[in-house]
Amino acid sequence: MSFSDYNCSLIVEPVSLLFLFCSSIARKHRQFGVAQREAGAFPPP
């Protein structure tokens, strides 16, 4: 493994883990999010 490959994996690994984490959260809150999307995505502040 070259240095650039190692550097790239250091970037790719956390990003892919973050994506998996976000997608699992999105799956959990999808039922809740559907009602919000129908009401205009997010309530006004």
C-alpha atoms as a PDB file:
ATOM      1  CA  MET A   1       0.000   0.000   0.000  1.00  0.00           C
ATOM      2  CA  SER A   2       1.459   3.330  -1.029  1.00  0.00           C
ATOM      3  CA  PHE A   3       1.258   6.475   1.067  1.00  0.00           C
ATOM      4  CA  SER A   4      -1.395   8.030  -1.182  1.00  0.00           C
ATOM      5  CA  ASP A   5      -3.557   4.893  -0.932  1.00  0.00           C
ATOM      6  CA  TYR A   6      -3.295   5.045   2.855  1.00  0.00           C
ATOM      7  CA  ASN A   7      -4.168   8.744   2.827  1.00  0.00           C
ATOM      8  CA  CYS A   8      -7.168   8.093   0.600  1.00  0.00           C
ATOM      9  CA  SER A   9      -8.454   5.301   2.849  1.00  0.00           C
ATOM     10  CA  LEU A  10      -8.132   7.606   5.867  1.00  0.00           C
ATOM     11  CA  ILE A  11     -10.559   9.957   4.123  1.00  0.00           C
ATOM     12  CA  VAL A  12     -12.867   7.352   2.576  1.00  0.00           C
ATOM     13  CA  GLU A  13     -13.342   5.191   5.684  1.00  0.00           C
ATOM     14  CA  PRO A  14     -14.816   7.873   8.004  1.00  0.00           C
ATOM     15  CA  VAL A  15     -16.929   9.258   5.163  1.00  0.00           C
ATOM     16  CA  SER A  16     -18.435   5.847   4.396  1.00  0.00           C
ATOM     17  CA  LEU A  17     -19.030   5.199   8.100  1.00  0.00           C
ATOM     18  CA  LEU A  18     -20.682   8.602   8.428  1.00  0.00           C
ATOM     19  CA  PHE A  19     -22.863   7.849   5.412  1.00  0.00           C
ATOM     20  CA  LEU A  20     -23.933   4.506   6.908  1.00  0.00           C
ATOM     21  CA  PHE A  21     -24.629   6.219  10.231  1.00  0.00           C
ATOM     22  CA  CYS A  22     -26.712   8.944   8.588  1.00  0.00           C
ATOM     23  CA  SER A  23     -28.646   6.481   6.437  1.00  0.00           C
ATOM     24  CA  SER A  24     -29.498   4.333   9.479  1.00  0.00           C
ATOM     25  CA  ILE A  25     -30.765   7.430  11.313  1.00  0.00           C
ATOM     26  CA  ALA A  26     -32.732   8.495   8.234  1.00  0.00           C
ATOM     27  CA  ARG A  27     -34.308   5.031   8.069  1.00  0.00           C
ATOM     28  CA  LYS A  28     -35.343   5.255  11.737  1.00  0.00           C
ATOM     29  CA  HIS A  29     -36.894   8.692  11.346  1.00  0.00           C
ATOM     30  CA  ARG A  30     -38.393   8.159   7.893  1.00  0.00           C
ATOM     31  CA  GLN A  31     -41.938   7.591   9.205  1.00  0.00           C
ATOM     32  CA  PHE A  32     -41.655  10.746  11.314  1.00  0.00           C
ATOM     33  CA  GLY A  33     -40.058  12.673   8.436  1.00  0.00           C
ATOM     34  CA  VAL A  34     -42.873  11.890   5.988  1.00  0.00           C
ATOM     35  CA  ALA A  35     -45.328  13.985   8.016  1.00  0.00           C
ATOM     36  CA  GLN A  36     -42.830  16.859   8.189  1.00  0.00           C
ATOM     37  CA  ARG A  37     -42.178  16.710   4.437  1.00  0.00           C
ATOM     38  CA  GLU A  38     -45.901  16.896   3.726  1.00  0.00           C
ATOM     39  CA  ALA A  39     -46.119  19.916   6.048  1.00  0.00           C
ATOM     40  CA  GLY A  40     -43.288  21.654   4.185  1.00  0.00           C
ATOM     41  CA  ALA A  41     -40.130  19.710   5.094  1.00  0.00           C
ATOM     42  CA  PHE A  42     -39.436  21.599   8.333  1.00  0.00           C
ATOM     43  CA  PRO A  43     -41.593  23.787  10.553  1.00  0.00           C
ATOM     44  CA  PRO A  44     -40.738  27.489  10.362  1.00  0.00           C
ATOM     45  CA  PRO A  45     -38.409  28.736  13.119  1.00  0.00           C
END
